[in-house]
Each structure stands twice: as C-alpha cells, then as structure tokens.
Amino acid sequence: MCEYCHIDGALWKLYCIHEIECNVGSTTSEVTLPVQDDLHGYVDPEGRIVLPPEMRARLGLLPAAEITLEEMPNGISLRRPITHLAKLYLEPTNRCNLDCRICIRNSWDEAQGDMSEETFARLLEGMQQLEYKPVVVFGGFGEPLFHPDIVEMVARVRQVATRLELITNGLLLSDQMARDLIRAGLNMLWISADALHTGANGRPSNALASIENLHRLRFSLHSQSPETGIVMVATPANMNDFPDLLRKAARYGVSRYMLTNMLPYTAEMCNQTLYGRALDRVASRPTPMSPSVQLPRIDWNEQTVNPLAQVLRTRHNVSIHGASLDLPGGRCPFIESGALTISWDGAVSPCLGLMHGHVSYLYDTPRAVTRYVIGNINDAALEEIWRNTDHLAFRQRVREFDFSPCTLCASCEMAESNEEDCYGNTFPTCGGCLWAWGVIQCP
C-alpha cells in the first residue's frame, strides 16, 4: 500500500490513483478499473473515491492536503485546499489612461508606477518554481495596456501559465495591439464597457468598436483566441444597456458577459448602487418565516415576469430547477479560487480588495480598508510567500468566515474599517467585504 497517496476525511477517503497503481498483486489484479475522464471518478472495492488525475491537479488534491466537504441536496461540494495556489492577479501598472469617477483612485493616496523588469523577472522565476502552473489575470487597479512592455509581458507569462487573461478598458486596443496580443497567445480578453468610464475631457468612453475590431482581426488571422468577454458595472443609468449588449454578442464575437455592482469610493456615488436590499437578505435554512420555494424552468414574459420578480424579492430560499439562487454569503471568491494578487511594486496580497488601501462606502458610511501585504517578490520567492504560516492561517480564517456581518448591520464604529470587528477578530477583518457577499465580482 502506498501510504502517502491517500487523504483521510471525516466523510470520505479521497486518494491518488498512484495508490491503486502501487497495489500490484492485490486490488488491481482482481478488479477491472473503470475508464476515467474529467467528469467521472469511481468508488473502489474498499469504498474510497478516486478522482481523475487532471481534476486532482487542478484542485490541488496533493498527498496530505486538507479539503473541505459540504453536503448538498443532490450531492457533495468539494472545496479546494487553502494551500493550493491556482490563480494569480498581476498588476503591470496602477496608472491609467482614463479618469473615471467610479475609480478607486478617488479614494487613495498611493504612488503610481509600472512593474519594473527586475520585479517581473522575479515573478517569472517564482512562477517557474511552482509545481502547478496557475491561471494568470493581468489586471489589478490600472490599465494593463498602459504598460509600455505589456505585449512582451503577456508572451513571457504565457510560457509559465495554464491560461492567461487580461482586462482592459479597450481604448488602447489598436489594430497593432490586438494583433500582438493574438500572436502572444492571450487566451481571454475582458473589456470593461459601460458609460461611466470617462476620459480626461469628461466625455464617456466607448470600447465596443475595439471589441468588434478584435473579432474581425481574429477572423482574418484564423485564430480562435483570445476569447472576448465584457464586464459591465451596473448602475441605474446603464442597466437598460445590458440586454442590448447581450443581443449584440454574435456581432462582437463575445463569449462571456459579467455584470457586477459598483463599489462607491465617493459619497456622491452611493445613490447609484443597486444592491441595498440584496445586502439585507440573509441566507438561511428553510423555516416557516423563510420557506423553500422551488421553481421550474419557465418562460419570462408579460404573464410571469411580475409575479416571479415579487417572489425573487422575498426572503425565501428560491431555487430554479434545483439550482439555488440564494447560496450562502460570506464566501471569498479569491480564497475559493486559490488566488493571490501581485501589485506593480511586487507586493503580494490575498485578494483585490486588500491590494491597495482605500476608502469605500457601505450604507452611505465611509469604510477605511487598510492594505494587507504578506510579502514582496523582490525579497522572497513566490512559493515561500504563499506558504507563509500567517498567510495560510488567514486563508483558513476567511474560509471559515466567522466575521461579524457588517454588510447586514454596519451599526457600530468597528464597521468603519477592516482593523477589528465585534466578534473579536483582528486585522484584516472581512465581514464588510462586498466580494465575499457576492455583490462585487471580477473576472
């Protein structure tokens, strides 16, 4: 028996296929193993679940890794170990060619700059040393295409990344830039397209022409990459534009759309949010006060839209065809996806929300977020920073999410910062984070 290739859990034993392969003369000589693919595992004669090797690699199910299992109505949910680095958000620059009124720059006092060649080289060296190559997203809080060496950076990172994505406002996506990104091997290009983006002259910007042009260039170069996605920040002023964008998907060659809410960085923007009631909605188990409501697939038309909208506005636990619309809050998308962020100066943080110090608004009240840096790639190797015990302890704390629910309350002075909360948690606290409650989302 290969004792190092299994993981003991409270509910199941999941283990590496290597254990079966090492069992020469025992189980493998008596049992015909099922064919595995990326969608199918199986239970062996001893009652242990065997998962496909590629799936185990993606989820970081290495020997002795601790996993979290949750029983769902129709199965189980397996959450990746907190020790598995699977995604990197890289900020080539925190400078931008626009001056948007919704930008985080309205609430910070930080130096601006571009990632240096020395810092970038340290990053590449750290990525090459990783056992599993992560997904990489060029983004952060600057315009990636504003970096003078962005095409070369894309090409070099593509050699050490499983997949490479980039998010841009699209205004610098010239014909030559688009051709260069296609040839550099970019897998996914996200374009932020909404009327709230404004240039230095105060006029709204429109990136849709760049999206259509990229689609034309892909066709002319006989390339299916990069895929194109659109991110839109929802406000009362532009929500009516979203259905029109969806209708034009084929024209623009867009394969993915993402709608996110706005995080107000100024008091003037607080009245532009669309999630006041959503923040006040508490996911709970079915009770007489909050019963379970199971809906079928159904047409949305003049007969159904108003009644269904009233149901969705209730505090009930609503599901459609078995898919819950009220998944539990307090779940950090960066921790769940195994993500890490690296800013232009090499500083490493657990998430985008802690990447830079800033002030945002929660229920019209300013909330000061202090930057949380766990290391710098100029001083230590990437994997060494990731494996730091304090960092992993923080990730475990966020996974458990035993923070005070500031997004539901925000009634005391502790909600005005991420330094401490009323449950006794100390810096950094995440109870007021809108990413963790599904209000704000990023590619």
Protein backbone atom coordinates (compact mmCIF):
# COMPACT_ATOMS: atom_id res chain seq x y z
CA MET A 1 0.00 0.00 0.00
CA CYS A 2 1.35 3.45 -0.93
CA GLU A 3 0.65 5.21 2.36
CA TYR A 4 1.42 8.72 1.11
CA CYS A 5 -1.18 8.88 -1.64
CA HIS A 6 -4.44 8.99 0.31
CA ILE A 7 -6.29 11.71 2.16
CA ASP A 8 -8.40 10.82 5.16
CA GLY A 9 -11.57 12.85 5.62
CA ALA A 10 -14.46 12.80 8.04
CA LEU A 11 -16.92 11.71 5.35
CA TRP A 12 -14.80 10.16 2.62
CA LYS A 13 -11.31 8.94 1.76
CA LEU A 14 -10.09 10.56 -1.44
CA TYR A 15 -6.76 9.42 -2.71
CA CYS A 16 -4.32 9.48 -5.56
CA ILE A 17 -4.59 6.97 -8.42
CA HIS A 18 -0.96 6.22 -7.58
CA GLU A 19 -2.20 4.17 -4.63
CA ILE A 20 -4.03 1.75 -6.94
CA GLU A 21 -1.12 1.62 -9.33
CA CYS A 22 1.19 0.69 -6.45
CA ASN A 23 -1.15 -2.08 -5.32
CA VAL A 24 0.43 -4.64 -7.63
CA GLY A 25 -0.80 -8.13 -6.89
CA SER A 26 -3.71 -7.04 -4.69
CA THR A 27 -6.73 -4.90 -5.64
CA THR A 28 -5.59 -4.10 -9.16
CA SER A 29 -5.15 -7.78 -10.07
CA GLU A 30 -8.70 -8.56 -9.03
CA VAL A 31 -10.67 -5.54 -10.21
CA THR A 32 -11.11 -4.01 -13.66
CA LEU A 33 -10.80 -0.27 -13.08
CA PRO A 34 -13.40 1.98 -14.74
CA VAL A 35 -12.25 4.30 -17.50
CA GLN A 36 -11.70 7.79 -16.08
CA ASP A 37 -12.27 11.11 -17.75
CA ASP A 38 -12.62 14.64 -16.47
CA LEU A 39 -16.26 14.11 -15.48
CA HIS A 40 -16.13 10.69 -13.88
CA GLY A 41 -14.45 9.19 -10.87
CA TYR A 42 -15.40 5.96 -9.17
CA VAL A 43 -15.55 4.16 -5.84
CA ASP A 44 -13.04 1.35 -5.41
CA PRO A 45 -13.79 -2.00 -3.66
CA GLU A 46 -12.70 -0.51 -0.33
CA GLY A 47 -15.22 2.33 -0.56
CA ARG A 48 -12.74 5.08 -1.42
CA ILE A 49 -13.50 7.73 -4.04
CA VAL A 50 -10.98 8.01 -6.87
CA LEU A 51 -10.91 11.25 -8.84
CA PRO A 52 -9.45 11.88 -12.32
CA PRO A 53 -5.75 12.85 -12.16
CA GLU A 54 -6.17 16.14 -14.05
CA MET A 55 -9.00 17.19 -11.77
CA ARG A 56 -6.91 16.42 -8.69
CA ALA A 57 -4.07 18.50 -10.09
CA ARG A 58 -6.32 21.50 -10.83
CA LEU A 59 -7.86 21.38 -7.35
CA GLY A 60 -4.56 20.82 -5.56
CA LEU A 61 -5.56 17.45 -4.09
CA LEU A 62 -2.00 16.50 -3.24
CA PRO A 63 -0.98 13.94 -0.62
CA ALA A 64 -1.93 15.08 2.91
CA ALA A 65 -3.84 18.13 1.63
CA GLU A 66 -6.78 19.08 3.85
CA ILE A 67 -10.05 19.52 2.00
CA THR A 68 -13.49 20.81 2.93
CA LEU A 69 -16.61 18.82 2.03
CA GLU A 70 -20.15 20.13 2.17
CA GLU A 71 -23.24 18.01 1.75
CA MET A 72 -25.60 19.48 -0.83
CA PRO A 73 -29.22 18.50 -1.60
CA ASN A 74 -28.11 16.37 -4.57
CA GLY A 75 -24.51 15.51 -3.72
CA ILE A 76 -21.39 16.93 -2.13
CA SER A 77 -19.31 20.04 -2.75
CA LEU A 78 -15.54 19.66 -2.55
CA ARG A 79 -13.68 22.92 -1.94
CA ARG A 80 -10.04 23.16 -2.96
CA PRO A 81 -7.39 23.14 -0.19
CA ILE A 82 -6.31 26.57 1.04
CA THR A 83 -2.73 25.50 0.32
CA HIS A 84 -3.26 25.33 -3.47
CA LEU A 85 -2.17 28.37 -5.50
CA ALA A 86 -4.29 28.23 -8.66
CA LYS A 87 -4.70 31.82 -9.84
CA LEU A 88 -2.59 34.98 -9.95
CA TYR A 89 -3.86 38.52 -10.47
CA LEU A 90 -0.95 40.60 -11.80
CA GLU A 91 -0.97 44.38 -11.86
CA PRO A 92 1.52 45.54 -14.53
CA THR A 93 0.76 49.16 -13.67
CA ASN A 94 -1.59 51.10 -11.43
CA ARG A 95 -1.60 54.01 -13.89
CA CYS A 96 -4.48 54.51 -16.30
CA ASN A 97 -5.34 56.43 -19.45
CA LEU A 98 -8.76 57.36 -18.04
CA ASP A 99 -10.01 59.38 -15.09
CA CYS A 100 -13.24 57.60 -14.14
CA ARG A 101 -15.40 58.99 -11.39
CA ILE A 102 -16.10 55.45 -10.14
CA CYS A 103 -12.41 54.54 -9.81
CA ILE A 104 -10.60 53.57 -6.61
CA ARG A 105 -8.09 56.34 -7.32
CA ASN A 106 -10.64 58.77 -5.96
CA SER A 107 -10.06 57.34 -2.50
CA TRP A 108 -6.36 56.52 -2.18
CA ASP A 109 -3.10 58.34 -1.72
CA GLU A 110 -0.61 55.86 -3.17
CA ALA A 111 2.34 56.18 -5.52
CA GLN A 112 1.72 55.21 -9.12
CA GLY A 113 4.12 53.30 -11.33
CA ASP A 114 4.84 50.42 -13.69
CA MET A 115 6.21 46.98 -12.81
CA SER A 116 9.97 47.02 -13.43
CA GLU A 117 11.87 44.44 -15.44
CA GLU A 118 13.62 43.29 -12.24
CA THR A 119 10.33 42.72 -10.44
CA PHE A 120 8.83 41.00 -13.48
CA ALA A 121 11.84 38.70 -13.77
CA ARG A 122 11.46 37.73 -10.10
CA LEU A 123 7.81 36.99 -10.76
CA LEU A 124 8.59 34.72 -13.70
CA GLU A 125 11.25 32.93 -11.69
CA GLY A 126 8.76 32.33 -8.89
CA MET A 127 6.11 31.03 -11.29
CA GLN A 128 8.58 28.62 -12.91
CA GLN A 129 9.25 27.08 -9.50
CA LEU A 130 5.59 26.32 -8.83
CA GLU A 131 4.56 22.67 -9.13
CA TYR A 132 1.22 23.59 -10.69
CA LYS A 133 1.11 26.42 -13.21
CA PRO A 134 -1.67 28.87 -12.28
CA VAL A 135 -4.20 30.81 -14.32
CA VAL A 136 -2.93 34.40 -14.67
CA VAL A 137 -5.08 37.52 -14.99
CA PHE A 138 -3.44 40.82 -15.95
CA GLY A 139 -5.50 43.47 -14.23
CA GLY A 140 -5.42 44.98 -10.76
CA PHE A 141 -6.34 48.66 -10.48
CA GLY A 142 -4.57 50.08 -13.51
CA GLU A 143 -4.87 49.78 -17.27
CA PRO A 144 -2.57 46.87 -18.30
CA LEU A 145 -2.22 48.13 -21.88
CA PHE A 146 -0.74 51.36 -20.45
CA HIS A 147 2.45 49.45 -19.57
CA PRO A 148 4.98 50.02 -22.39
CA ASP A 149 6.12 46.36 -22.38
CA ILE A 150 2.72 44.70 -21.96
CA VAL A 151 2.90 42.57 -25.13
CA GLU A 152 6.27 41.12 -24.14
CA MET A 153 4.97 40.50 -20.60
CA VAL A 154 1.97 38.61 -21.99
CA ALA A 155 4.16 36.47 -24.22
CA ARG A 156 6.59 35.60 -21.40
CA VAL A 157 3.92 34.85 -18.80
CA ARG A 158 2.05 32.69 -21.30
CA GLN A 159 5.00 30.26 -21.22
CA VAL A 160 4.53 29.57 -17.49
CA ALA A 161 0.75 29.91 -17.09
CA THR A 162 -2.01 27.37 -17.61
CA ARG A 163 -4.22 30.13 -19.03
CA LEU A 164 -3.74 33.87 -19.49
CA GLU A 165 -6.43 36.55 -19.30
CA LEU A 166 -6.32 40.36 -19.42
CA ILE A 167 -8.87 43.02 -18.53
CA THR A 168 -8.79 46.41 -20.23
CA ASN A 169 -10.95 49.45 -20.88
CA GLY A 170 -10.28 48.78 -24.56
CA LEU A 171 -9.34 52.29 -25.64
CA LEU A 172 -5.69 51.38 -26.25
CA LEU A 173 -6.62 48.26 -28.22
CA SER A 174 -5.37 49.46 -31.59
CA ASP A 175 -5.11 47.17 -34.61
CA GLN A 176 -1.43 46.58 -33.89
CA MET A 177 -2.01 45.96 -30.18
CA ALA A 178 -4.78 43.47 -30.96
CA ARG A 179 -2.60 41.61 -33.46
CA ASP A 180 0.29 41.49 -31.00
CA LEU A 181 -1.90 40.10 -28.19
CA ILE A 182 -3.30 37.43 -30.50
CA ARG A 183 0.20 36.38 -31.52
CA ALA A 184 1.44 36.48 -27.91
CA GLY A 185 -1.04 33.73 -27.03
CA LEU A 186 -3.55 35.61 -24.86
CA ASN A 187 -6.44 33.24 -24.03
CA MET A 188 -9.10 35.69 -22.82
CA LEU A 189 -9.58 39.43 -23.19
CA TRP A 190 -12.08 41.08 -20.86
CA ILE A 191 -13.21 44.57 -21.83
CA SER A 192 -14.91 46.89 -19.40
CA ALA A 193 -17.69 48.52 -21.36
CA ASP A 194 -20.02 50.96 -19.62
CA ALA A 195 -20.95 54.59 -19.92
CA LEU A 196 -19.40 55.52 -16.57
CA HIS A 197 -15.86 55.32 -17.96
CA THR A 198 -14.77 58.86 -18.78
CA GLY A 199 -11.58 60.28 -20.19
CA ALA A 200 -9.71 63.36 -19.01
CA ASN A 201 -12.09 65.52 -21.05
CA GLY A 202 -15.05 64.14 -19.08
CA ARG A 203 -16.66 62.53 -22.14
CA PRO A 204 -17.92 58.94 -21.88
CA SER A 205 -15.70 56.32 -23.50
CA ASN A 206 -16.98 53.51 -25.66
CA ALA A 207 -14.91 50.37 -26.19
CA LEU A 208 -17.44 48.48 -28.32
CA ALA A 209 -15.70 49.48 -31.54
CA SER A 210 -12.49 47.89 -30.21
CA ILE A 211 -14.36 44.68 -29.42
CA GLU A 212 -15.82 44.47 -32.91
CA ASN A 213 -12.43 45.18 -34.45
CA LEU A 214 -10.76 42.44 -32.40
CA HIS A 215 -13.40 40.00 -33.64
CA ARG A 216 -12.58 40.96 -37.24
CA LEU A 217 -8.83 40.54 -36.67
CA ARG A 218 -9.27 37.12 -35.10
CA PHE A 219 -11.13 36.01 -38.18
CA SER A 220 -8.52 37.42 -40.56
CA LEU A 221 -5.68 35.74 -38.63
CA HIS A 222 -7.57 32.41 -38.46
CA SER A 223 -7.37 32.45 -34.65
CA GLN A 224 -9.98 31.47 -32.08
CA SER A 225 -8.07 33.26 -29.31
CA PRO A 226 -8.39 35.36 -27.39
CA GLU A 227 -11.96 34.79 -26.35
CA THR A 228 -13.73 38.06 -25.63
CA GLY A 229 -15.69 38.96 -22.52
CA ILE A 230 -17.48 42.11 -21.45
CA VAL A 231 -17.62 43.37 -17.87
CA MET A 232 -20.21 45.98 -17.01
CA VAL A 233 -20.65 47.89 -13.75
CA ALA A 234 -24.38 48.07 -13.03
CA THR A 235 -25.98 51.40 -12.11
CA PRO A 236 -29.46 52.89 -12.61
CA ALA A 237 -28.07 54.80 -15.59
CA ASN A 238 -26.87 51.83 -17.63
CA MET A 239 -28.87 48.75 -16.63
CA ASN A 240 -31.08 49.16 -19.68
CA ASP A 241 -27.96 48.83 -21.86
CA PHE A 242 -27.18 45.31 -20.67
CA PRO A 243 -29.89 43.44 -22.65
CA ASP A 244 -28.80 45.30 -25.78
CA LEU A 245 -25.19 44.17 -25.24
CA LEU A 246 -26.35 40.57 -24.95
CA ARG A 247 -28.31 40.84 -28.19
CA LYS A 248 -25.15 42.00 -29.98
CA ALA A 249 -22.99 39.12 -28.74
CA ALA A 250 -22.70 37.46 -32.15
CA ARG A 251 -21.78 40.71 -33.88
CA TYR A 252 -18.98 41.36 -31.40
CA GLY A 253 -17.87 37.75 -31.06
CA VAL A 254 -18.37 37.93 -27.29
CA SER A 255 -18.49 34.59 -25.47
CA ARG A 256 -18.87 35.78 -21.86
CA TYR A 257 -20.55 38.63 -20.05
CA MET A 258 -20.11 39.64 -16.43
CA LEU A 259 -22.34 42.10 -14.60
CA THR A 260 -21.07 43.48 -11.32
CA ASN A 261 -22.26 46.08 -8.88
CA MET A 262 -20.50 49.35 -8.24
CA LEU A 263 -18.42 49.82 -5.10
CA PRO A 264 -18.78 53.52 -4.20
CA TYR A 265 -15.47 55.22 -3.49
CA THR A 266 -17.07 58.63 -3.03
CA ALA A 267 -20.15 59.78 -1.12
CA GLU A 268 -21.65 61.12 -4.36
CA MET A 269 -21.77 57.63 -5.86
CA CYS A 270 -23.73 56.00 -3.00
CA ASN A 271 -27.08 56.73 -4.61
CA GLN A 272 -26.01 54.87 -7.76
CA THR A 273 -25.90 51.39 -6.19
CA LEU A 274 -28.44 48.64 -6.92
CA TYR A 275 -27.92 46.26 -4.00
CA GLY A 276 -29.37 47.84 -0.86
CA ARG A 277 -31.98 45.13 -0.35
CA ALA A 278 -29.64 42.38 -1.53
CA LEU A 279 -27.25 43.22 1.33
CA ASP A 280 -30.11 42.93 3.78
CA ARG A 281 -31.01 39.45 2.60
CA VAL A 282 -29.87 36.68 4.95
CA ALA A 283 -29.47 33.18 3.50
CA SER A 284 -30.92 30.66 5.92
CA ARG A 285 -32.32 27.20 6.18
CA PRO A 286 -36.00 26.84 5.30
CA THR A 287 -38.30 27.86 8.15
CA PRO A 288 -41.93 28.99 8.32
CA MET A 289 -40.57 32.54 8.19
CA SER A 290 -38.33 31.80 5.19
CA PRO A 291 -39.67 28.74 3.36
CA SER A 292 -38.05 26.89 0.49
CA VAL A 293 -39.50 27.82 -2.92
CA GLN A 294 -38.71 25.51 -5.84
CA LEU A 295 -39.40 26.92 -9.28
CA PRO A 296 -39.31 25.07 -12.63
CA ARG A 297 -37.81 26.33 -15.85
CA ILE A 298 -40.40 28.80 -17.04
CA ASP A 299 -40.87 31.47 -19.68
CA TRP A 300 -40.23 35.05 -18.65
CA ASN A 301 -42.94 37.03 -20.37
CA GLU A 302 -45.69 39.54 -19.61
CA GLN A 303 -47.65 36.88 -17.70
CA THR A 304 -44.80 35.70 -15.48
CA VAL A 305 -42.22 38.46 -15.04
CA ASN A 306 -44.03 40.48 -12.38
CA PRO A 307 -45.12 37.54 -10.20
CA LEU A 308 -41.68 35.94 -10.41
CA ALA A 309 -39.95 39.23 -9.64
CA GLN A 310 -42.09 39.52 -6.48
CA VAL A 311 -41.04 36.01 -5.43
CA LEU A 312 -37.37 36.75 -6.03
CA ARG A 313 -37.63 39.90 -3.91
CA THR A 314 -38.77 37.91 -0.87
CA ARG A 315 -36.51 36.44 1.78
CA HIS A 316 -37.43 32.92 0.69
CA ASN A 317 -34.88 30.26 -0.28
CA VAL A 318 -35.54 30.17 -4.03
CA SER A 319 -34.24 27.55 -6.44
CA ILE A 320 -34.86 27.08 -10.17
CA HIS A 321 -34.68 23.51 -11.46
CA GLY A 322 -32.68 22.56 -8.38
CA ALA A 323 -30.16 25.41 -8.66
CA SER A 324 -30.29 27.64 -5.59
CA LEU A 325 -30.41 31.38 -6.15
CA ASP A 326 -29.54 32.06 -2.53
CA LEU A 327 -26.15 30.48 -1.97
CA PRO A 328 -24.61 31.27 1.40
CA GLY A 329 -22.80 34.59 1.70
CA GLY A 330 -19.56 35.07 3.48
CA ARG A 331 -17.57 33.10 0.90
CA CYS A 332 -14.48 34.82 -0.51
CA PRO A 333 -14.13 34.22 -4.28
CA PHE A 334 -10.36 34.75 -4.07
CA ILE A 335 -9.85 32.15 -1.35
CA GLU A 336 -12.18 29.69 -3.10
CA SER A 337 -10.36 30.05 -6.42
CA GLY A 338 -6.92 29.73 -4.83
CA ALA A 339 -5.98 33.26 -5.88
CA LEU A 340 -3.23 35.68 -4.98
CA THR A 341 -2.58 39.25 -6.16
CA ILE A 342 0.73 40.91 -7.03
CA SER A 343 0.84 44.68 -7.46
CA TRP A 344 3.11 46.66 -9.75
CA ASP A 345 5.71 47.11 -6.98
CA GLY A 346 5.90 43.37 -6.22
CA ALA A 347 3.75 43.46 -3.08
CA VAL A 348 1.72 40.28 -2.60
CA SER A 349 -1.80 40.36 -1.10
CA PRO A 350 -4.52 37.69 -0.68
CA CYS A 351 -7.16 39.47 -2.79
CA LEU A 352 -8.01 42.50 -4.89
CA GLY A 353 -9.91 44.08 -2.00
CA LEU A 354 -6.75 44.20 0.14
CA MET A 355 -4.34 45.04 -2.68
CA HIS A 356 -4.41 48.79 -2.03
CA GLY A 357 -5.51 50.90 0.91
CA HIS A 358 -8.66 52.85 0.13
CA VAL A 359 -11.95 54.20 1.42
CA SER A 360 -15.25 52.85 0.13
CA TYR A 361 -18.81 53.32 1.31
CA LEU A 362 -21.12 50.84 3.00
CA TYR A 363 -24.69 52.05 3.65
CA ASP A 364 -23.54 55.64 2.98
CA THR A 365 -20.86 55.27 5.67
CA PRO A 366 -17.17 55.50 4.77
CA ARG A 367 -15.19 52.32 5.44
CA ALA A 368 -11.39 52.57 5.51
CA VAL A 369 -9.66 49.46 4.18
CA THR A 370 -6.02 49.10 5.18
CA ARG A 371 -3.76 47.36 2.67
CA TYR A 372 -2.65 43.87 3.69
CA VAL A 373 0.72 42.78 2.27
CA ILE A 374 2.03 39.32 3.07
CA GLY A 375 5.37 39.70 1.29
CA ASN A 376 7.15 41.07 -1.75
CA ILE A 377 8.52 39.01 -4.64
CA ASN A 378 11.59 41.26 -4.71
CA ASP A 379 12.50 39.93 -1.27
CA ALA A 380 11.31 36.31 -1.28
CA ALA A 381 10.27 33.54 -3.67
CA LEU A 382 6.60 33.43 -4.66
CA GLU A 383 6.01 29.97 -3.21
CA GLU A 384 7.75 30.94 0.04
CA ILE A 385 5.39 33.90 0.42
CA TRP A 386 2.39 31.71 -0.41
CA ARG A 387 3.41 29.05 2.15
CA ASN A 388 3.89 31.61 4.94
CA THR A 389 2.11 30.21 8.01
CA ASP A 390 0.44 33.52 8.90
CA HIS A 391 -0.89 33.80 5.35
CA LEU A 392 -2.29 30.27 5.32
CA ALA A 393 -3.83 30.85 8.76
CA PHE A 394 -5.55 33.95 7.37
CA ARG A 395 -6.87 31.98 4.40
CA GLN A 396 -8.27 29.36 6.76
CA ARG A 397 -9.92 32.09 8.83
CA VAL A 398 -11.54 33.52 5.70
CA ARG A 399 -12.62 30.03 4.58
CA GLU A 400 -14.48 29.62 7.89
CA PHE A 401 -15.72 33.24 7.63
CA ASP A 402 -16.54 33.73 11.27
CA PHE A 403 -16.55 37.51 10.91
CA SER A 404 -19.20 39.88 12.16
CA PRO A 405 -21.82 40.51 9.44
CA CYS A 406 -21.05 44.18 8.83
CA THR A 407 -22.90 44.15 5.49
CA LEU A 408 -26.11 43.30 7.37
CA CYS A 409 -25.57 45.66 10.26
CA ALA A 410 -22.85 48.31 9.89
CA SER A 411 -24.23 49.97 13.01
CA CYS A 412 -21.04 50.44 15.04
CA GLU A 413 -17.70 52.16 14.57
CA MET A 414 -15.94 48.83 14.03
CA ALA A 415 -17.66 48.56 10.64
CA GLU A 416 -15.85 51.72 9.53
CA SER A 417 -12.56 49.87 8.95
CA ASN A 418 -11.11 46.38 8.49
CA GLU A 419 -8.97 46.61 11.64
CA GLU A 420 -11.24 44.78 14.12
CA ASP A 421 -14.81 43.51 14.39
CA CYS A 422 -17.29 42.89 17.20
CA TYR A 423 -16.61 39.14 17.15
CA GLY A 424 -13.08 39.79 18.37
CA ASN A 425 -11.36 39.29 15.00
CA THR A 426 -8.32 41.44 14.36
CA PHE A 427 -6.80 42.88 11.17
CA PRO A 428 -7.68 42.16 8.48
CA THR A 429 -11.40 41.56 9.02
CA CYS A 430 -13.66 40.70 6.07
CA GLY A 431 -17.25 40.96 7.33
CA GLY A 432 -17.83 44.15 5.35
CA CYS A 433 -16.31 42.88 2.10
CA LEU A 434 -18.78 43.03 -0.78
CA TRP A 435 -16.80 40.49 -2.83
CA ALA A 436 -17.42 37.91 -0.11
CA TRP A 437 -21.18 38.53 -0.21
CA GLY A 438 -21.49 38.16 -3.98
CA VAL A 439 -22.21 41.86 -4.64
CA ILE A 440 -18.95 42.74 -6.38
CA GLN A 441 -17.30 40.29 -8.78
CA CYS A 442 -14.27 40.29 -11.05
CA PRO A 443 -13.06 38.02 -13.88
